[in-house]
Structures are given as structure tokens and as C-alpha cells.
Amino acid sequence: MVWTPRVTVASVIEREGRFLLVEEEDNGRRVFNQPAGHLEEGESLLAACIRETLEETGRRLTPEAVVGVYRWQHPASGLTFIRVAVTGSVSEPLPGHALDADILATHWLEPRVLADDPACQRSPLVLRCIEDYLAGRRYPLGLLVEV
């Protein structure tokens, strides 16, 4: 088998000290994650962030900066994930927009909710992206080059 990392994107959205998170089920557990998902064939990283945010929250994302690029290996499956996290602003929910079937709800949560209960996170990347955002890590969107 050929080793192939999974490329994912995530949107780190903050308002008044709270972060936009989605609640979803993962292997029988209810967990929190940023609006996030897999890059699709032929899609740019920014287009993937915008699409995933809309699909999972019903809100339009306006990307403003890159928060970070992360590598994480899932301890149970051994799969490697490369996550590109961006930050920006979002619209209010669009009327009549249905969320992905996998999304149970959206929440604006303080980071301490995740820090106090690491098991509620889809992966350690969720809190790490928020911590990097809070540390002021912002890189120009031009870092994400399409050739």
C-alpha cells in the first residue's frame, strides 16, 4: 500500500472570545471540530475552506489569513492528516441553508471548554489551531500558492 496523507482544511473563526465549532459524531462520540473537511480534487485550499464552512455552518467565510499548517497521525488508524487552517470572518447563517447531515449543531464556545475536556475534541488539532490563533499566528493568504 502506498502511504498517502489526507489533506484537510479548517476555519478558525472567533467572535468576542468564542470560536465557531461544529458538533458531530465520530465513532459513537459527540465531538467538537472547526468547520473542516477534506480537500476535493481540483479544488483550491481556500475554496475548500469556504465550501466546508458553508456546508457545515450555513455561513459564508471570507478568508483573511493562514493560521497554520499541521501534520497529525491518528493514533488508532495510523492515517496521517495535513491540515491547513485559515481564519477570517463569517456571515450570519444564510436563511434556508441546510447543514451537512453529519453536523448535529453549531456552537460559539470559549477555548476553555475544549481545554477542560480533551475528549470532546475531534482531534488535538482543534485546540492547537485555536491556541495558535490566540498566540497571534497569522500568515498571508498568498502563502497558499496554486500552480
C-alpha atoms as a PDB file:
ATOM      1  CA  MET A   1       0.000   0.000   0.000  1.00  0.00           C
ATOM      2  CA  VAL A   2       1.248   3.496  -0.873  1.00  0.00           C
ATOM      3  CA  TRP A   3       1.364   5.966   2.009  1.00  0.00           C
ATOM      4  CA  THR A   4      -0.959   8.879   1.219  1.00  0.00           C
ATOM      5  CA  PRO A   5      -1.590  11.712   3.672  1.00  0.00           C
ATOM      6  CA  ARG A   6      -5.119  13.119   3.810  1.00  0.00           C
ATOM      7  CA  VAL A   7      -5.296  16.848   3.096  1.00  0.00           C
ATOM      8  CA  THR A   8      -7.871  18.708   5.158  1.00  0.00           C
ATOM      9  CA  VAL A   9      -8.814  22.322   5.734  1.00  0.00           C
ATOM     10  CA  ALA A  10     -10.282  24.084   8.765  1.00  0.00           C
ATOM     11  CA  SER A  11     -11.689  27.535   9.503  1.00  0.00           C
ATOM     12  CA  VAL A  12     -10.767  29.157  12.821  1.00  0.00           C
ATOM     13  CA  ILE A  13     -13.473  31.759  13.415  1.00  0.00           C
ATOM     14  CA  GLU A  14     -13.538  33.922  16.558  1.00  0.00           C
ATOM     15  CA  ARG A  15     -16.100  36.421  17.834  1.00  0.00           C
ATOM     16  CA  GLU A  16     -15.785  38.084  21.234  1.00  0.00           C
ATOM     17  CA  GLY A  17     -13.565  35.340  22.650  1.00  0.00           C
ATOM     18  CA  ARG A  18     -15.705  32.463  21.409  1.00  0.00           C
ATOM     19  CA  PHE A  19     -14.967  30.166  18.480  1.00  0.00           C
ATOM     20  CA  LEU A  20     -17.353  28.778  15.894  1.00  0.00           C
ATOM     21  CA  LEU A  21     -17.334  24.996  16.259  1.00  0.00           C
ATOM     22  CA  VAL A  22     -19.444  22.218  14.851  1.00  0.00           C
ATOM     23  CA  GLU A  23     -20.712  19.316  16.899  1.00  0.00           C
ATOM     24  CA  GLU A  24     -20.558  15.995  15.113  1.00  0.00           C
ATOM     25  CA  GLU A  25     -20.466  12.292  15.831  1.00  0.00           C
ATOM     26  CA  ASP A  26     -17.188  10.420  15.455  1.00  0.00           C
ATOM     27  CA  ASN A  27     -17.106   6.692  16.210  1.00  0.00           C
ATOM     28  CA  GLY A  28     -20.079   6.965  18.556  1.00  0.00           C
ATOM     29  CA  ARG A  29     -18.802  10.068  20.394  1.00  0.00           C
ATOM     30  CA  ARG A  30     -20.155  13.606  20.178  1.00  0.00           C
ATOM     31  CA  VAL A  31     -17.172  15.842  19.466  1.00  0.00           C
ATOM     32  CA  PHE A  32     -16.338  19.414  18.504  1.00  0.00           C
ATOM     33  CA  ASN A  33     -14.333  20.480  15.469  1.00  0.00           C
ATOM     34  CA  GLN A  34     -13.766  23.597  13.470  1.00  0.00           C
ATOM     35  CA  PRO A  35     -15.757  23.738  10.249  1.00  0.00           C
ATOM     36  CA  ALA A  36     -13.407  21.392   8.423  1.00  0.00           C
ATOM     37  CA  GLY A  37     -13.120  18.684   5.844  1.00  0.00           C
ATOM     38  CA  HIS A  38     -11.186  17.093   3.042  1.00  0.00           C
ATOM     39  CA  LEU A  39      -9.782  18.880   0.034  1.00  0.00           C
ATOM     40  CA  GLU A  40     -11.583  17.731  -3.105  1.00  0.00           C
ATOM     41  CA  GLU A  41      -9.919  17.007  -6.439  1.00  0.00           C
ATOM     42  CA  GLY A  42      -9.283  20.176  -8.450  1.00  0.00           C
ATOM     43  CA  GLU A  43     -10.230  22.451  -5.532  1.00  0.00           C
ATOM     44  CA  SER A  44      -8.010  25.188  -4.121  1.00  0.00           C
ATOM     45  CA  LEU A  45      -7.304  25.197  -0.388  1.00  0.00           C
ATOM     46  CA  LEU A  46      -9.192  28.464   0.098  1.00  0.00           C
ATOM     47  CA  ALA A  47     -12.159  27.244  -1.950  1.00  0.00           C
ATOM     48  CA  ALA A  48     -12.236  24.132   0.254  1.00  0.00           C
ATOM     49  CA  CYS A  49     -12.310  26.287   3.418  1.00  0.00           C
ATOM     50  CA  ILE A  50     -15.142  28.397   2.038  1.00  0.00           C
ATOM     51  CA  ARG A  51     -17.121  25.321   0.910  1.00  0.00           C
ATOM     52  CA  GLU A  52     -16.661  23.380   4.153  1.00  0.00           C
ATOM     53  CA  THR A  53     -17.631  26.387   6.281  1.00  0.00           C
ATOM     54  CA  LEU A  54     -20.790  26.912   4.240  1.00  0.00           C
ATOM     55  CA  GLU A  55     -21.721  23.224   4.250  1.00  0.00           C
ATOM     56  CA  GLU A  56     -21.149  22.754   7.973  1.00  0.00           C
ATOM     57  CA  THR A  57     -22.368  26.089   9.400  1.00  0.00           C
ATOM     58  CA  GLY A  58     -24.567  27.685   6.744  1.00  0.00           C
ATOM     59  CA  ARG A  59     -22.315  30.772   6.857  1.00  0.00           C
ATOM     60  CA  ARG A  60     -20.150  32.333   4.169  1.00  0.00           C
ATOM     61  CA  LEU A  61     -16.452  32.571   5.045  1.00  0.00           C
ATOM     62  CA  THR A  62     -14.268  35.471   3.976  1.00  0.00           C
ATOM     63  CA  PRO A  63     -10.693  34.186   4.467  1.00  0.00           C
ATOM     64  CA  GLU A  64      -8.217  36.696   5.904  1.00  0.00           C
ATOM     65  CA  ALA A  65      -5.083  34.792   6.939  1.00  0.00           C
ATOM     66  CA  VAL A  66      -3.487  31.381   7.341  1.00  0.00           C
ATOM     67  CA  VAL A  67      -3.217  30.270  10.977  1.00  0.00           C
ATOM     68  CA  GLY A  68      -1.014  27.257  10.319  1.00  0.00           C
ATOM     69  CA  VAL A  69      -0.241  24.040   8.508  1.00  0.00           C
ATOM     70  CA  TYR A  70      -0.305  20.942  10.696  1.00  0.00           C
ATOM     71  CA  ARG A  71       0.614  17.263  10.427  1.00  0.00           C
ATOM     72  CA  TRP A  72      -1.126  14.763  12.694  1.00  0.00           C
ATOM     73  CA  GLN A  73      -1.154  10.988  12.740  1.00  0.00           C
ATOM     74  CA  HIS A  74      -4.331   9.362  14.028  1.00  0.00           C
ATOM     75  CA  PRO A  75      -3.229   7.019  16.830  1.00  0.00           C
ATOM     76  CA  ALA A  76      -5.788   4.271  16.116  1.00  0.00           C
ATOM     77  CA  SER A  77      -5.850   4.205  12.311  1.00  0.00           C
ATOM     78  CA  GLY A  78      -2.291   5.351  11.640  1.00  0.00           C
ATOM     79  CA  LEU A  79      -3.597   7.725   8.953  1.00  0.00           C
ATOM     80  CA  THR A  80      -1.659  10.954   8.513  1.00  0.00           C
ATOM     81  CA  PHE A  81      -3.536  14.225   8.072  1.00  0.00           C
ATOM     82  CA  ILE A  82      -2.177  17.516   6.749  1.00  0.00           C
ATOM     83  CA  ARG A  83      -4.449  20.353   7.905  1.00  0.00           C
ATOM     84  CA  VAL A  84      -4.391  23.882   6.528  1.00  0.00           C
ATOM     85  CA  ALA A  85      -6.166  26.232   8.924  1.00  0.00           C
ATOM     86  CA  VAL A  86      -7.312  29.700   7.934  1.00  0.00           C
ATOM     87  CA  THR A  87      -9.072  32.454   9.814  1.00  0.00           C
ATOM     88  CA  GLY A  88     -11.481  35.084   8.639  1.00  0.00           C
ATOM     89  CA  SER A  89     -14.959  36.389   9.160  1.00  0.00           C
ATOM     90  CA  VAL A  90     -18.285  34.709   8.541  1.00  0.00           C
ATOM     91  CA  SER A  91     -21.727  35.929   7.643  1.00  0.00           C
ATOM     92  CA  GLU A  92     -24.778  35.294   9.735  1.00  0.00           C
ATOM     93  CA  PRO A  93     -26.424  31.956   8.890  1.00  0.00           C
ATOM     94  CA  LEU A  94     -27.961  32.007   5.420  1.00  0.00           C
ATOM     95  CA  PRO A  95     -31.727  31.536   5.529  1.00  0.00           C
ATOM     96  CA  GLY A  96     -32.872  28.101   4.439  1.00  0.00           C
ATOM     97  CA  HIS A  97     -29.366  26.634   4.168  1.00  0.00           C
ATOM     98  CA  ALA A  98     -29.327  23.047   5.462  1.00  0.00           C
ATOM     99  CA  LEU A  99     -26.221  21.836   7.281  1.00  0.00           C
ATOM    100  CA  ASP A 100     -24.370  18.669   6.271  1.00  0.00           C
ATOM    101  CA  ALA A 101     -26.139  15.578   7.565  1.00  0.00           C
ATOM    102  CA  ASP A 102     -23.101  14.779   9.772  1.00  0.00           C
ATOM    103  CA  ILE A 103     -23.382  18.066  11.687  1.00  0.00           C
ATOM    104  CA  LEU A 104     -25.500  17.881  14.831  1.00  0.00           C
ATOM    105  CA  ALA A 105     -25.255  21.598  15.734  1.00  0.00           C
ATOM    106  CA  THR A 106     -23.042  24.675  15.596  1.00  0.00           C
ATOM    107  CA  HIS A 107     -21.781  26.448  18.723  1.00  0.00           C
ATOM    108  CA  TRP A 108     -19.804  29.536  19.714  1.00  0.00           C
ATOM    109  CA  LEU A 109     -17.579  28.184  22.517  1.00  0.00           C
ATOM    110  CA  GLU A 110     -14.794  29.517  24.702  1.00  0.00           C
ATOM    111  CA  PRO A 111     -11.476  27.657  24.332  1.00  0.00           C
ATOM    112  CA  ARG A 112     -11.602  26.500  27.975  1.00  0.00           C
ATOM    113  CA  VAL A 113     -14.486  24.156  27.069  1.00  0.00           C
ATOM    114  CA  LEU A 114     -12.061  22.234  24.836  1.00  0.00           C
ATOM    115  CA  ALA A 115      -9.101  22.548  27.184  1.00  0.00           C
ATOM    116  CA  ASP A 116     -11.107  21.276  30.162  1.00  0.00           C
ATOM    117  CA  ASP A 117     -12.242  18.158  28.280  1.00  0.00           C
ATOM    118  CA  PRO A 118      -9.758  16.999  25.617  1.00  0.00           C
ATOM    119  CA  ALA A 119     -12.004  14.007  24.840  1.00  0.00           C
ATOM    120  CA  CYS A 120     -14.629  16.381  23.408  1.00  0.00           C
ATOM    121  CA  GLN A 121     -12.272  17.343  20.551  1.00  0.00           C
ATOM    122  CA  ARG A 122     -12.393  15.540  17.205  1.00  0.00           C
ATOM    123  CA  SER A 123      -8.585  15.629  17.286  1.00  0.00           C
ATOM    124  CA  PRO A 124      -5.846  17.547  19.133  1.00  0.00           C
ATOM    125  CA  LEU A 125      -5.692  19.817  16.081  1.00  0.00           C
ATOM    126  CA  VAL A 126      -8.900  21.577  17.175  1.00  0.00           C
ATOM    127  CA  LEU A 127      -7.468  23.190  20.290  1.00  0.00           C
ATOM    128  CA  ARG A 128      -3.987  23.606  18.758  1.00  0.00           C
ATOM    129  CA  CYS A 129      -5.419  25.733  15.926  1.00  0.00           C
ATOM    130  CA  ILE A 130      -7.262  27.908  18.463  1.00  0.00           C
ATOM    131  CA  GLU A 131      -4.142  28.266  20.617  1.00  0.00           C
ATOM    132  CA  ASP A 132      -2.100  29.328  17.586  1.00  0.00           C
ATOM    133  CA  TYR A 133      -4.795  31.835  16.628  1.00  0.00           C
ATOM    134  CA  LEU A 134      -4.799  33.243  20.175  1.00  0.00           C
ATOM    135  CA  ALA A 135      -0.984  33.456  20.043  1.00  0.00           C
ATOM    136  CA  GLY A 136      -1.373  35.802  17.069  1.00  0.00           C
ATOM    137  CA  ARG A 137      -0.173  33.428  14.381  1.00  0.00           C
ATOM    138  CA  ARG A 138      -1.333  34.869  11.067  1.00  0.00           C
ATOM    139  CA  TYR A 139       0.330  34.356   7.713  1.00  0.00           C
ATOM    140  CA  PRO A 140      -0.617  35.938   4.376  1.00  0.00           C
ATOM    141  CA  LEU A 141      -3.125  34.044   2.249  1.00  0.00           C
ATOM    142  CA  GLY A 142      -0.531  34.303  -0.542  1.00  0.00           C
ATOM    143  CA  LEU A 143       1.313  31.518   1.262  1.00  0.00           C
ATOM    144  CA  LEU A 144      -1.238  29.133  -0.324  1.00  0.00           C
ATOM    145  CA  VAL A 145       0.060  29.034  -3.878  1.00  0.00           C
ATOM    146  CA  GLU A 146      -1.880  27.383  -6.696  1.00  0.00           C
ATOM    147  CA  VAL A 147       0.270  26.393  -9.697  1.00  0.00           C
END
